[in-house]
Amino acid sequence: MDENNEFELSSNPNNESISNHQTNINQFSAYYPSQEHRVNIQDHLNNFKNHKFTQNVNELVKNKKFVASIIVTFLIICAATIMFMIPQDTEPIEGKWIKSDGQLLTFDSDGEFSNQIYPGSTWSMDGEILSMYSTVQIIDDQTLVTKIIVQTVKVEFSDDELAMWWHWESVTIDGVEENLEQGTCSLIIKESVADNTLEYALEAPNYQSIKPSSCQ
């Protein structure tokens, strides 16, 4: 036997020992901690956020918020429209009226008043007291002057609010009160009932029963 063979024989026990040791390591490798890379929680969160399903859900939520805002705006507009459509309470005096001489009186809801004589007049009601304010220009001693006329009357309406009695309280011109006969009254009838002096004469008797006792 040569030296090489002796070396191979002498080295075989060692090789066999190494092989057995590796086999034992492989058998118990399942019990050792894994050496692979671990994915942390932040990576999972990022992957979840970037997932297509998550993006679709976010878009759906955004769209729902947008649609909800449109619905709320639409409902607000509808509510405001309905409120404006509801008839507002009006004063019984608002509208057009006629006097016994055919003079037409118009009381607008915005406080404007017209009596076919003094344009640009205004009116106001305080309980039963009606005040009418007029600014007129007249010629006095060949000079054009401006006068402020304030007429105040006590108003009593008929039950159907189609007629009213005026009991004159005062008439002032530039703050100076004019002399009035005591118990001066006027019957005013709604134009929808009488729009001329003939119809006025026919309708007036129907409202004599509500004539105030203070009227002569």
N, C-alpha and C. Protein backbone atom coordinates (compact mmCIF):
# COMPACT_ATOMS: atom_id res chain seq x y z
N MET A 1 0.88 -1.20 0.00
CA MET A 1 0.00 0.00 0.00
C MET A 1 0.89 1.21 0.00
N ASP A 2 0.56 2.13 -0.94
CA ASP A 2 1.39 3.33 -1.04
C ASP A 2 0.90 4.39 -0.09
N GLU A 3 1.63 5.46 -0.10
CA GLU A 3 1.32 6.54 0.85
C GLU A 3 0.01 7.22 0.53
N ASN A 4 -0.30 7.36 -0.75
CA ASN A 4 -1.57 8.02 -1.12
C ASN A 4 -2.76 7.24 -0.63
N ASN A 5 -2.69 5.93 -0.78
CA ASN A 5 -3.80 5.12 -0.31
C ASN A 5 -3.94 5.18 1.19
N GLU A 6 -2.78 5.21 1.83
CA GLU A 6 -2.84 5.32 3.29
C GLU A 6 -3.49 6.60 3.72
N PHE A 7 -3.19 7.68 2.95
CA PHE A 7 -3.78 8.98 3.31
C PHE A 7 -5.29 8.98 3.11
N GLU A 8 -5.71 8.33 2.02
CA GLU A 8 -7.14 8.26 1.76
C GLU A 8 -7.83 7.46 2.83
N LEU A 9 -7.24 6.40 3.27
CA LEU A 9 -7.86 5.59 4.30
C LEU A 9 -7.89 6.31 5.62
N SER A 10 -6.79 6.98 5.86
CA SER A 10 -6.76 7.69 7.14
C SER A 10 -7.69 8.87 7.17
N SER A 11 -7.98 9.42 5.98
CA SER A 11 -8.85 10.60 5.94
C SER A 11 -10.32 10.24 5.87
N ASN A 12 -10.68 9.03 5.55
CA ASN A 12 -12.08 8.65 5.43
C ASN A 12 -12.86 8.79 6.73
N PRO A 13 -12.35 8.42 7.86
CA PRO A 13 -13.13 8.60 9.10
C PRO A 13 -13.49 10.05 9.36
N ASN A 14 -12.60 10.93 9.02
CA ASN A 14 -12.91 12.37 9.25
C ASN A 14 -14.01 12.85 8.32
N ASN A 15 -13.94 12.44 7.10
CA ASN A 15 -14.97 12.86 6.13
C ASN A 15 -16.32 12.34 6.55
N GLU A 16 -16.34 11.11 7.02
CA GLU A 16 -17.61 10.52 7.45
C GLU A 16 -18.16 11.28 8.65
N SER A 17 -17.27 11.72 9.54
CA SER A 17 -17.71 12.48 10.72
C SER A 17 -18.31 13.81 10.31
N ILE A 18 -17.68 14.47 9.35
CA ILE A 18 -18.20 15.77 8.88
C ILE A 18 -19.56 15.61 8.24
N SER A 19 -19.70 14.55 7.44
CA SER A 19 -20.97 14.30 6.76
C SER A 19 -22.08 14.04 7.75
N ASN A 20 -21.79 13.27 8.81
CA ASN A 20 -22.80 13.00 9.83
C ASN A 20 -23.19 14.27 10.57
N HIS A 21 -22.21 15.13 10.79
CA HIS A 21 -22.50 16.39 11.51
C HIS A 21 -23.44 17.29 10.70
N GLN A 22 -23.21 17.36 9.38
CA GLN A 22 -24.07 18.18 8.51
C GLN A 22 -25.47 17.62 8.47
N THR A 23 -25.55 16.28 8.48
CA THR A 23 -26.86 15.64 8.47
C THR A 23 -27.64 15.99 9.72
N ASN A 24 -26.93 15.97 10.87
CA ASN A 24 -27.59 16.31 12.13
C ASN A 24 -28.08 17.75 12.14
N ILE A 25 -27.28 18.65 11.53
CA ILE A 25 -27.69 20.07 11.46
C ILE A 25 -28.95 20.22 10.64
N ASN A 26 -29.01 19.54 9.50
CA ASN A 26 -30.18 19.63 8.64
C ASN A 26 -31.43 19.08 9.33
N GLN A 27 -31.26 18.06 10.16
CA GLN A 27 -32.40 17.47 10.84
C GLN A 27 -33.03 18.41 11.85
N PHE A 28 -32.23 19.27 12.46
CA PHE A 28 -32.73 20.16 13.51
C PHE A 28 -32.86 21.61 13.06
N SER A 29 -32.68 21.85 11.77
CA SER A 29 -32.74 23.22 11.28
C SER A 29 -34.13 23.83 11.43
N ALA A 30 -35.18 23.01 11.48
CA ALA A 30 -36.55 23.50 11.63
C ALA A 30 -36.76 24.16 12.97
N TYR A 31 -35.93 23.82 13.97
CA TYR A 31 -36.09 24.38 15.31
C TYR A 31 -35.32 25.68 15.52
N TYR A 32 -34.50 26.02 14.55
CA TYR A 32 -33.70 27.24 14.68
C TYR A 32 -34.52 28.45 14.20
N PRO A 33 -34.28 29.65 14.74
CA PRO A 33 -34.97 30.86 14.27
C PRO A 33 -34.68 31.11 12.81
N SER A 34 -35.74 31.59 12.09
CA SER A 34 -35.57 31.86 10.66
C SER A 34 -34.64 33.04 10.47
N GLN A 35 -33.81 32.95 9.51
CA GLN A 35 -32.87 34.01 9.19
C GLN A 35 -33.35 34.87 8.02
N GLU A 36 -34.61 34.61 7.56
CA GLU A 36 -35.13 35.38 6.42
C GLU A 36 -35.51 36.79 6.86
N HIS A 37 -35.62 37.74 5.90
CA HIS A 37 -35.98 39.15 6.18
C HIS A 37 -37.43 39.24 6.64
N ARG A 38 -37.68 39.95 7.74
CA ARG A 38 -39.03 40.14 8.27
C ARG A 38 -39.62 41.45 7.77
N VAL A 39 -40.87 41.42 7.29
CA VAL A 39 -41.56 42.64 6.83
C VAL A 39 -42.18 43.33 8.04
N ASN A 40 -41.84 44.59 8.27
CA ASN A 40 -42.38 45.30 9.45
C ASN A 40 -43.80 45.79 9.20
N ILE A 41 -44.48 46.30 10.26
CA ILE A 41 -45.89 46.74 10.19
C ILE A 41 -46.06 47.90 9.23
N GLN A 42 -45.11 48.83 9.24
CA GLN A 42 -45.22 50.00 8.36
C GLN A 42 -45.28 49.59 6.90
N ASP A 43 -44.50 48.53 6.55
CA ASP A 43 -44.54 48.04 5.17
C ASP A 43 -45.93 47.51 4.82
N HIS A 44 -46.56 46.81 5.78
CA HIS A 44 -47.91 46.29 5.55
C HIS A 44 -48.90 47.44 5.35
N LEU A 45 -48.76 48.48 6.19
CA LEU A 45 -49.68 49.62 6.08
C LEU A 45 -49.52 50.32 4.74
N ASN A 46 -48.27 50.49 4.32
CA ASN A 46 -48.03 51.14 3.03
C ASN A 46 -48.61 50.32 1.89
N ASN A 47 -48.42 49.00 1.98
CA ASN A 47 -48.97 48.14 0.94
C ASN A 47 -50.50 48.20 0.92
N PHE A 48 -51.10 48.29 2.12
CA PHE A 48 -52.56 48.37 2.21
C PHE A 48 -53.07 49.68 1.63
N LYS A 49 -52.37 50.77 1.94
CA LYS A 49 -52.79 52.08 1.42
C LYS A 49 -52.67 52.14 -0.10
N ASN A 50 -51.65 51.52 -0.62
CA ASN A 50 -51.42 51.58 -2.07
C ASN A 50 -52.20 50.52 -2.84
N HIS A 51 -52.91 49.68 -2.12
CA HIS A 51 -53.68 48.64 -2.79
C HIS A 51 -54.82 49.26 -3.59
N LYS A 52 -55.12 48.69 -4.74
CA LYS A 52 -56.15 49.23 -5.62
C LYS A 52 -57.51 49.25 -4.94
N PHE A 53 -57.81 48.22 -4.16
CA PHE A 53 -59.09 48.17 -3.46
C PHE A 53 -59.23 49.34 -2.48
N THR A 54 -58.14 49.61 -1.74
CA THR A 54 -58.18 50.73 -0.79
C THR A 54 -58.36 52.06 -1.52
N GLN A 55 -57.68 52.21 -2.64
CA GLN A 55 -57.83 53.45 -3.42
C GLN A 55 -59.26 53.61 -3.93
N ASN A 56 -59.86 52.51 -4.34
CA ASN A 56 -61.25 52.58 -4.81
C ASN A 56 -62.20 52.98 -3.69
N VAL A 57 -61.94 52.45 -2.48
CA VAL A 57 -62.78 52.81 -1.34
C VAL A 57 -62.64 54.30 -1.02
N ASN A 58 -61.40 54.80 -1.07
CA ASN A 58 -61.19 56.24 -0.80
C ASN A 58 -61.91 57.11 -1.82
N GLU A 59 -61.82 56.71 -3.09
CA GLU A 59 -62.52 57.47 -4.13
C GLU A 59 -64.02 57.46 -3.90
N LEU A 60 -64.55 56.29 -3.49
CA LEU A 60 -65.99 56.19 -3.24
C LEU A 60 -66.40 57.11 -2.10
N VAL A 61 -65.60 57.16 -1.03
CA VAL A 61 -65.90 58.04 0.11
C VAL A 61 -65.88 59.50 -0.33
N LYS A 62 -64.87 59.87 -1.12
CA LYS A 62 -64.79 61.25 -1.60
C LYS A 62 -66.00 61.60 -2.45
N ASN A 63 -66.38 60.67 -3.34
CA ASN A 63 -67.53 60.91 -4.19
C ASN A 63 -68.81 61.04 -3.37
N LYS A 64 -68.94 60.23 -2.31
CA LYS A 64 -70.12 60.32 -1.45
C LYS A 64 -70.20 61.66 -0.76
N LYS A 65 -69.04 62.16 -0.29
CA LYS A 65 -69.02 63.48 0.34
C LYS A 65 -69.43 64.56 -0.65
N PHE A 66 -68.95 64.43 -1.89
CA PHE A 66 -69.29 65.42 -2.92
C PHE A 66 -70.78 65.38 -3.24
N VAL A 67 -71.30 64.16 -3.39
CA VAL A 67 -72.73 64.01 -3.67
C VAL A 67 -73.57 64.52 -2.50
N ALA A 68 -73.11 64.23 -1.27
CA ALA A 68 -73.85 64.69 -0.09
C ALA A 68 -73.90 66.20 -0.03
N SER A 69 -72.78 66.87 -0.38
CA SER A 69 -72.77 68.33 -0.35
C SER A 69 -73.72 68.90 -1.40
N ILE A 70 -73.81 68.24 -2.56
CA ILE A 70 -74.74 68.70 -3.60
C ILE A 70 -76.18 68.54 -3.12
N ILE A 71 -76.47 67.41 -2.47
CA ILE A 71 -77.83 67.17 -1.97
C ILE A 71 -78.21 68.20 -0.92
N VAL A 72 -77.28 68.48 0.00
CA VAL A 72 -77.56 69.47 1.05
C VAL A 72 -77.81 70.84 0.43
N THR A 73 -76.99 71.24 -0.54
CA THR A 73 -77.17 72.53 -1.21
C THR A 73 -78.53 72.58 -1.91
N PHE A 74 -78.90 71.49 -2.58
CA PHE A 74 -80.18 71.43 -3.28
C PHE A 74 -81.34 71.57 -2.30
N LEU A 75 -81.25 70.89 -1.15
CA LEU A 75 -82.32 70.97 -0.16
C LEU A 75 -82.44 72.37 0.41
N ILE A 76 -81.31 73.04 0.62
CA ILE A 76 -81.35 74.42 1.14
C ILE A 76 -82.04 75.34 0.13
N ILE A 77 -81.70 75.17 -1.14
CA ILE A 77 -82.32 76.00 -2.18
C ILE A 77 -83.82 75.75 -2.25
N CYS A 78 -84.21 74.47 -2.17
CA CYS A 78 -85.64 74.13 -2.20
C CYS A 78 -86.37 74.74 -1.01
N ALA A 79 -85.76 74.65 0.18
CA ALA A 79 -86.40 75.22 1.38
C ALA A 79 -86.57 76.71 1.25
N ALA A 80 -85.52 77.39 0.73
CA ALA A 80 -85.62 78.84 0.57
C ALA A 80 -86.69 79.19 -0.45
N THR A 81 -86.78 78.41 -1.53
CA THR A 81 -87.80 78.68 -2.56
C THR A 81 -89.20 78.51 -1.99
N ILE A 82 -89.39 77.45 -1.20
CA ILE A 82 -90.70 77.21 -0.61
C ILE A 82 -91.08 78.34 0.35
N MET A 83 -90.10 78.81 1.12
CA MET A 83 -90.37 79.90 2.06
C MET A 83 -90.83 81.16 1.33
N PHE A 84 -90.19 81.44 0.18
CA PHE A 84 -90.58 82.63 -0.58
C PHE A 84 -91.94 82.44 -1.25
N MET A 85 -92.30 81.18 -1.51
CA MET A 85 -93.59 80.92 -2.16
C MET A 85 -94.76 81.01 -1.18
N ILE A 86 -94.46 80.84 0.12
CA ILE A 86 -95.53 80.92 1.11
C ILE A 86 -96.02 82.36 1.22
N PRO A 87 -97.30 82.61 1.06
CA PRO A 87 -97.80 83.99 1.15
C PRO A 87 -97.50 84.59 2.52
N GLN A 88 -96.95 85.79 2.49
CA GLN A 88 -96.66 86.51 3.72
C GLN A 88 -97.90 87.27 4.19
N ASP A 89 -97.96 87.45 5.50
CA ASP A 89 -99.08 88.21 6.06
C ASP A 89 -99.04 89.64 5.53
N THR A 90 -100.17 90.13 5.09
CA THR A 90 -100.26 91.49 4.55
C THR A 90 -101.25 92.30 5.36
N GLU A 91 -101.08 93.61 5.28
CA GLU A 91 -102.01 94.52 5.94
C GLU A 91 -103.31 94.55 5.14
N PRO A 92 -104.45 94.62 5.81
CA PRO A 92 -105.73 94.68 5.08
C PRO A 92 -105.83 95.88 4.16
N ILE A 93 -105.08 96.93 4.48
CA ILE A 93 -105.19 98.16 3.69
C ILE A 93 -104.45 98.07 2.36
N GLU A 94 -103.58 97.09 2.20
CA GLU A 94 -102.82 96.99 0.96
C GLU A 94 -103.74 96.71 -0.21
N GLY A 95 -103.52 97.43 -1.31
CA GLY A 95 -104.34 97.27 -2.50
C GLY A 95 -104.88 98.60 -2.98
N LYS A 96 -105.90 98.53 -3.86
CA LYS A 96 -106.49 99.73 -4.46
C LYS A 96 -107.89 99.96 -3.90
N TRP A 97 -108.19 101.23 -3.60
CA TRP A 97 -109.46 101.64 -3.01
C TRP A 97 -110.01 102.84 -3.76
N ILE A 98 -111.32 103.06 -3.57
CA ILE A 98 -111.96 104.20 -4.23
C ILE A 98 -112.80 104.99 -3.22
N LYS A 99 -112.77 106.33 -3.39
CA LYS A 99 -113.55 107.22 -2.53
C LYS A 99 -114.87 107.58 -3.23
N SER A 100 -115.72 108.27 -2.52
CA SER A 100 -117.04 108.61 -3.06
C SER A 100 -116.95 109.51 -4.29
N ASP A 101 -115.91 110.33 -4.39
CA ASP A 101 -115.74 111.23 -5.53
C ASP A 101 -115.00 110.57 -6.69
N GLY A 102 -114.69 109.26 -6.56
CA GLY A 102 -114.01 108.55 -7.64
C GLY A 102 -112.49 108.57 -7.53
N GLN A 103 -111.96 109.25 -6.52
CA GLN A 103 -110.51 109.29 -6.36
C GLN A 103 -109.99 107.90 -5.98
N LEU A 104 -108.93 107.48 -6.68
CA LEU A 104 -108.36 106.16 -6.45
C LEU A 104 -107.17 106.25 -5.52
N LEU A 105 -107.16 105.39 -4.51
CA LEU A 105 -106.07 105.33 -3.55
C LEU A 105 -105.38 103.97 -3.68
N THR A 106 -104.05 103.98 -3.68
CA THR A 106 -103.29 102.75 -3.80
C THR A 106 -102.28 102.66 -2.66
N PHE A 107 -102.34 101.56 -1.91
CA PHE A 107 -101.41 101.31 -0.81
C PHE A 107 -100.58 100.07 -1.17
N ASP A 108 -99.30 100.29 -1.43
CA ASP A 108 -98.42 99.18 -1.79
C ASP A 108 -97.80 98.56 -0.54
N SER A 109 -97.38 97.30 -0.68
CA SER A 109 -96.80 96.58 0.46
C SER A 109 -95.46 97.15 0.89
N ASP A 110 -94.78 97.88 -0.01
CA ASP A 110 -93.48 98.45 0.34
C ASP A 110 -93.59 99.81 1.00
N GLY A 111 -94.83 100.24 1.32
CA GLY A 111 -95.04 101.50 2.00
C GLY A 111 -95.29 102.68 1.09
N GLU A 112 -95.35 102.43 -0.23
CA GLU A 112 -95.66 103.50 -1.16
C GLU A 112 -97.16 103.77 -1.17
N PHE A 113 -97.51 105.03 -1.37
CA PHE A 113 -98.92 105.44 -1.37
C PHE A 113 -99.17 106.41 -2.50
N SER A 114 -100.29 106.20 -3.20
CA SER A 114 -100.66 107.11 -4.29
C SER A 114 -102.13 107.47 -4.17
N ASN A 115 -102.44 108.77 -4.31
CA ASN A 115 -103.83 109.23 -4.28
C ASN A 115 -104.19 110.05 -5.52
N GLN A 116 -103.39 109.90 -6.58
CA GLN A 116 -103.58 110.58 -7.86
C GLN A 116 -103.38 112.09 -7.75
N ILE A 117 -103.00 112.58 -6.58
CA ILE A 117 -102.75 114.01 -6.40
C ILE A 117 -101.30 114.24 -5.97
N TYR A 118 -100.87 113.50 -4.96
CA TYR A 118 -99.53 113.67 -4.43
C TYR A 118 -98.70 112.43 -4.77
N PRO A 119 -97.91 112.46 -5.84
CA PRO A 119 -97.09 111.30 -6.19
C PRO A 119 -95.91 111.15 -5.22
N GLY A 120 -95.44 109.91 -5.10
CA GLY A 120 -94.28 109.68 -4.24
C GLY A 120 -94.59 109.76 -2.76
N SER A 121 -95.83 109.49 -2.38
CA SER A 121 -96.20 109.52 -0.96
C SER A 121 -95.94 108.16 -0.32
N THR A 122 -95.94 108.15 1.02
CA THR A 122 -95.74 106.90 1.76
C THR A 122 -96.81 106.78 2.84
N TRP A 123 -96.93 105.57 3.38
CA TRP A 123 -97.92 105.33 4.42
C TRP A 123 -97.36 104.41 5.49
N SER A 124 -97.96 104.43 6.68
CA SER A 124 -97.60 103.51 7.76
C SER A 124 -98.81 103.31 8.65
N MET A 125 -98.87 102.13 9.27
CA MET A 125 -99.98 101.80 10.17
C MET A 125 -99.42 101.55 11.57
N ASP A 126 -100.08 102.13 12.56
CA ASP A 126 -99.74 101.89 13.95
C ASP A 126 -101.04 101.56 14.68
N GLY A 127 -101.34 100.25 14.73
CA GLY A 127 -102.63 99.85 15.29
C GLY A 127 -103.75 100.27 14.36
N GLU A 128 -104.66 101.12 14.83
CA GLU A 128 -105.77 101.60 14.01
C GLU A 128 -105.46 102.94 13.36
N ILE A 129 -104.29 103.50 13.61
CA ILE A 129 -103.94 104.82 13.10
C ILE A 129 -103.14 104.69 11.81
N LEU A 130 -103.68 105.28 10.74
CA LEU A 130 -103.01 105.31 9.44
C LEU A 130 -102.44 106.71 9.22
N SER A 131 -101.16 106.76 8.89
CA SER A 131 -100.50 108.04 8.59
C SER A 131 -100.03 108.02 7.15
N MET A 132 -100.30 109.13 6.44
CA MET A 132 -99.90 109.27 5.04
C MET A 132 -99.02 110.51 4.91
N TYR A 133 -97.86 110.32 4.30
CA TYR A 133 -96.88 111.41 4.20
C TYR A 133 -96.68 111.76 2.72
N SER A 134 -96.79 113.03 2.43
CA SER A 134 -96.65 113.49 1.04
C SER A 134 -95.75 114.72 0.99
N THR A 135 -94.88 114.73 -0.02
CA THR A 135 -94.04 115.90 -0.27
C THR A 135 -94.48 116.49 -1.60
N VAL A 136 -94.95 117.76 -1.57
CA VAL A 136 -95.50 118.39 -2.78
C VAL A 136 -94.81 119.74 -3.01
N GLN A 137 -94.84 120.13 -4.24
CA GLN A 137 -94.31 121.45 -4.60
C GLN A 137 -95.45 122.32 -5.12
N ILE A 138 -95.57 123.51 -4.57
CA ILE A 138 -96.62 124.44 -4.97
C ILE A 138 -96.00 125.80 -5.24
N ILE A 139 -96.76 126.65 -5.94
CA ILE A 139 -96.29 128.00 -6.22
C ILE A 139 -96.92 128.94 -5.20
N ASP A 140 -96.10 129.59 -4.43
CA ASP A 140 -96.56 130.52 -3.40
C ASP A 140 -95.90 131.88 -3.67
N ASP A 141 -96.75 132.89 -4.01
CA ASP A 141 -96.24 134.22 -4.37
C ASP A 141 -95.22 134.12 -5.50
N GLN A 142 -95.61 133.39 -6.52
CA GLN A 142 -94.79 133.20 -7.72
C GLN A 142 -93.45 132.52 -7.43
N THR A 143 -93.39 131.80 -6.31
CA THR A 143 -92.17 131.07 -5.95
C THR A 143 -92.51 129.59 -5.73
N LEU A 144 -91.71 128.73 -6.29
CA LEU A 144 -91.93 127.30 -6.12
C LEU A 144 -91.40 126.87 -4.75
N VAL A 145 -92.30 126.35 -3.94
CA VAL A 145 -91.90 125.92 -2.59
C VAL A 145 -92.33 124.47 -2.38
N THR A 146 -91.63 123.81 -1.46
CA THR A 146 -91.92 122.41 -1.13
C THR A 146 -92.65 122.35 0.20
N LYS A 147 -93.73 121.58 0.21
CA LYS A 147 -94.52 121.41 1.42
C LYS A 147 -94.58 119.94 1.80
N ILE A 148 -94.57 119.69 3.11
CA ILE A 148 -94.73 118.33 3.62
C ILE A 148 -96.10 118.22 4.28
N ILE A 149 -96.91 117.31 3.75
CA ILE A 149 -98.27 117.13 4.25
C ILE A 149 -98.38 115.77 4.94
N VAL A 150 -98.91 115.78 6.15
CA VAL A 150 -99.10 114.55 6.91
C VAL A 150 -100.58 114.45 7.26
N GLN A 151 -101.22 113.36 6.80
CA GLN A 151 -102.63 113.10 7.08
C GLN A 151 -102.73 111.90 8.02
N THR A 152 -103.50 112.03 9.07
CA THR A 152 -103.65 110.96 10.05
C THR A 152 -105.13 110.65 10.23
N VAL A 153 -105.46 109.35 10.09
CA VAL A 153 -106.85 108.93 10.24
C VAL A 153 -106.91 107.67 11.10
N LYS A 154 -108.05 107.46 11.74
CA LYS A 154 -108.33 106.23 12.46
C LYS A 154 -109.13 105.33 11.54
N VAL A 155 -108.69 104.11 11.38
CA VAL A 155 -109.30 103.20 10.39
C VAL A 155 -110.08 102.10 11.09
N GLU A 156 -111.29 101.84 10.57
CA GLU A 156 -112.09 100.70 11.01
C GLU A 156 -112.52 99.91 9.78
N PHE A 157 -112.13 98.64 9.71
CA PHE A 157 -112.42 97.80 8.56
C PHE A 157 -113.74 97.06 8.74
N SER A 158 -114.36 96.75 7.61
CA SER A 158 -115.53 95.87 7.63
C SER A 158 -115.06 94.44 7.90
N ASP A 159 -116.00 93.58 8.24
CA ASP A 159 -115.64 92.20 8.54
C ASP A 159 -114.99 91.50 7.34
N ASP A 160 -115.42 91.83 6.13
CA ASP A 160 -114.84 91.21 4.94
C ASP A 160 -113.61 91.95 4.44
N GLU A 161 -113.23 93.04 5.14
CA GLU A 161 -112.06 93.86 4.81
C GLU A 161 -112.11 94.41 3.39
N LEU A 162 -113.32 94.59 2.87
CA LEU A 162 -113.51 95.17 1.53
C LEU A 162 -113.94 96.64 1.61
N ALA A 163 -114.09 97.12 2.80
CA ALA A 163 -114.44 98.53 2.99
C ALA A 163 -113.82 98.99 4.31
N MET A 164 -113.58 100.30 4.40
CA MET A 164 -113.03 100.85 5.64
C MET A 164 -113.54 102.28 5.82
N TRP A 165 -113.74 102.62 7.07
CA TRP A 165 -114.14 103.97 7.42
C TRP A 165 -112.92 104.72 7.95
N TRP A 166 -112.78 105.95 7.45
CA TRP A 166 -111.72 106.81 7.94
C TRP A 166 -112.32 107.89 8.83
N HIS A 167 -111.81 107.97 10.03
CA HIS A 167 -112.16 109.08 10.92
C HIS A 167 -110.94 109.99 10.99
N TRP A 168 -111.06 111.20 10.43
CA TRP A 168 -109.90 112.08 10.32
C TRP A 168 -109.47 112.57 11.70
N GLU A 169 -108.19 112.35 11.97
CA GLU A 169 -107.61 112.80 13.22
C GLU A 169 -106.93 114.15 13.08
N SER A 170 -106.10 114.28 12.04
CA SER A 170 -105.36 115.55 11.85
C SER A 170 -104.80 115.63 10.44
N VAL A 171 -104.56 116.86 10.02
CA VAL A 171 -103.85 117.15 8.77
C VAL A 171 -102.89 118.29 9.08
N THR A 172 -101.60 118.06 8.82
CA THR A 172 -100.60 119.10 9.07
C THR A 172 -99.85 119.41 7.79
N ILE A 173 -99.52 120.69 7.62
CA ILE A 173 -98.71 121.14 6.49
C ILE A 173 -97.49 121.85 7.06
N ASP A 174 -96.34 121.28 6.80
CA ASP A 174 -95.08 121.78 7.37
C ASP A 174 -95.18 121.92 8.88
N GLY A 175 -95.85 120.95 9.52
CA GLY A 175 -95.94 120.94 10.96
C GLY A 175 -97.05 121.78 11.55
N VAL A 176 -97.75 122.52 10.69
CA VAL A 176 -98.86 123.37 11.16
C VAL A 176 -100.17 122.61 10.95
N GLU A 177 -100.93 122.41 12.03
CA GLU A 177 -102.15 121.63 11.96
C GLU A 177 -103.30 122.44 11.36
N GLU A 178 -104.01 121.82 10.43
CA GLU A 178 -105.16 122.45 9.80
C GLU A 178 -106.41 122.22 10.66
N ASN A 179 -107.39 123.11 10.50
CA ASN A 179 -108.66 122.98 11.22
C ASN A 179 -109.55 121.97 10.51
N LEU A 180 -110.07 121.01 11.26
CA LEU A 180 -110.97 119.99 10.71
C LEU A 180 -112.28 120.01 11.49
N GLU A 181 -113.36 119.74 10.76
CA GLU A 181 -114.65 119.62 11.43
C GLU A 181 -114.66 118.34 12.27
N GLN A 182 -115.24 118.40 13.42
CA GLN A 182 -115.34 117.24 14.29
C GLN A 182 -116.21 116.16 13.63
N GLY A 183 -115.76 114.93 13.77
CA GLY A 183 -116.54 113.81 13.24
C GLY A 183 -116.47 113.67 11.74
N THR A 184 -115.42 114.24 11.12
CA THR A 184 -115.27 114.10 9.67
C THR A 184 -114.83 112.67 9.33
N CYS A 185 -115.64 111.98 8.53
CA CYS A 185 -115.36 110.58 8.17
C CYS A 185 -115.51 110.37 6.68
N SER A 186 -114.90 109.30 6.20
CA SER A 186 -115.00 108.92 4.78
C SER A 186 -115.10 107.40 4.70
N LEU A 187 -115.96 106.94 3.78
CA LEU A 187 -116.07 105.52 3.51
C LEU A 187 -115.23 105.21 2.27
N ILE A 188 -114.30 104.28 2.40
CA ILE A 188 -113.43 103.88 1.30
C ILE A 188 -113.74 102.42 0.97
N ILE A 189 -113.95 102.11 -0.31
CA ILE A 189 -114.33 100.76 -0.73
C ILE A 189 -113.26 100.18 -1.65
N LYS A 190 -113.03 98.90 -1.53
CA LYS A 190 -112.02 98.22 -2.35
C LYS A 190 -112.40 98.29 -3.82
N GLU A 191 -111.43 98.53 -4.68
CA GLU A 191 -111.68 98.66 -6.11
C GLU A 191 -112.27 97.38 -6.69
N SER A 192 -111.97 96.23 -6.12
CA SER A 192 -112.52 94.97 -6.62
C SER A 192 -114.03 94.91 -6.42
N VAL A 193 -114.56 95.74 -5.53
CA VAL A 193 -116.00 95.80 -5.28
C VAL A 193 -116.64 96.91 -6.10
N ALA A 194 -115.98 98.05 -6.16
CA ALA A 194 -116.50 99.19 -6.91
C ALA A 194 -115.33 99.94 -7.54
N ASP A 195 -115.37 100.10 -8.86
CA ASP A 195 -114.25 100.80 -9.51
C ASP A 195 -114.68 102.10 -10.18
N ASN A 196 -115.90 102.56 -9.85
CA ASN A 196 -116.34 103.87 -10.34
C ASN A 196 -117.38 104.43 -9.35
N THR A 197 -117.77 105.67 -9.55
CA THR A 197 -118.67 106.33 -8.60
C THR A 197 -120.05 105.69 -8.59
N LEU A 198 -120.53 105.17 -9.73
CA LEU A 198 -121.84 104.52 -9.77
C LEU A 198 -121.83 103.25 -8.91
N GLU A 199 -120.83 102.41 -9.12
CA GLU A 199 -120.75 101.19 -8.32
C GLU A 199 -120.53 101.51 -6.85
N TYR A 200 -119.79 102.58 -6.61
CA TYR A 200 -119.57 103.00 -5.21
C TYR A 200 -120.92 103.33 -4.56
N ALA A 201 -121.74 104.10 -5.27
CA ALA A 201 -123.04 104.50 -4.71
C ALA A 201 -123.93 103.29 -4.45
N LEU A 202 -123.80 102.26 -5.28
CA LEU A 202 -124.61 101.05 -5.10
C LEU A 202 -124.12 100.21 -3.92
N GLU A 203 -122.82 100.20 -3.68
CA GLU A 203 -122.25 99.36 -2.63
C GLU A 203 -122.20 100.05 -1.27
N ALA A 204 -122.14 101.36 -1.25
CA ALA A 204 -121.97 102.08 0.01
C ALA A 204 -123.02 101.74 1.07
N PRO A 205 -124.30 101.60 0.72
CA PRO A 205 -125.30 101.28 1.76
C PRO A 205 -125.01 99.98 2.51
N ASN A 206 -124.32 99.05 1.86
CA ASN A 206 -124.02 97.77 2.51
C ASN A 206 -123.06 97.92 3.69
N TYR A 207 -122.38 99.07 3.77
CA TYR A 207 -121.39 99.26 4.82
C TYR A 207 -121.76 100.39 5.78
N GLN A 208 -122.98 100.87 5.68
CA GLN A 208 -123.43 101.92 6.60
C GLN A 208 -123.57 101.39 8.04
N SER A 209 -123.84 100.11 8.16
CA SER A 209 -124.04 99.55 9.49
C SER A 209 -122.77 99.52 10.32
N ILE A 210 -121.61 99.60 9.67
CA ILE A 210 -120.37 99.58 10.41
C ILE A 210 -119.79 100.98 10.56
N LYS A 211 -120.57 101.97 10.24
CA LYS A 211 -120.11 103.35 10.38
C LYS A 211 -119.83 103.65 11.83
N PRO A 212 -118.64 104.15 12.17
CA PRO A 212 -118.30 104.43 13.57
C PRO A 212 -119.27 105.45 14.18
N SER A 213 -119.57 105.27 15.44
CA SER A 213 -120.48 106.18 16.13
C SER A 213 -119.95 107.59 16.22
N SER A 214 -118.63 107.74 16.11
CA SER A 214 -118.02 109.07 16.19
C SER A 214 -118.18 109.86 14.90
N CYS A 215 -118.63 109.19 13.84
CA CYS A 215 -118.80 109.88 12.55
C CYS A 215 -120.18 110.54 12.51
N GLN A 216 -120.23 111.75 11.95
CA GLN A 216 -121.50 112.47 11.82
C GLN A 216 -122.25 111.97 10.57
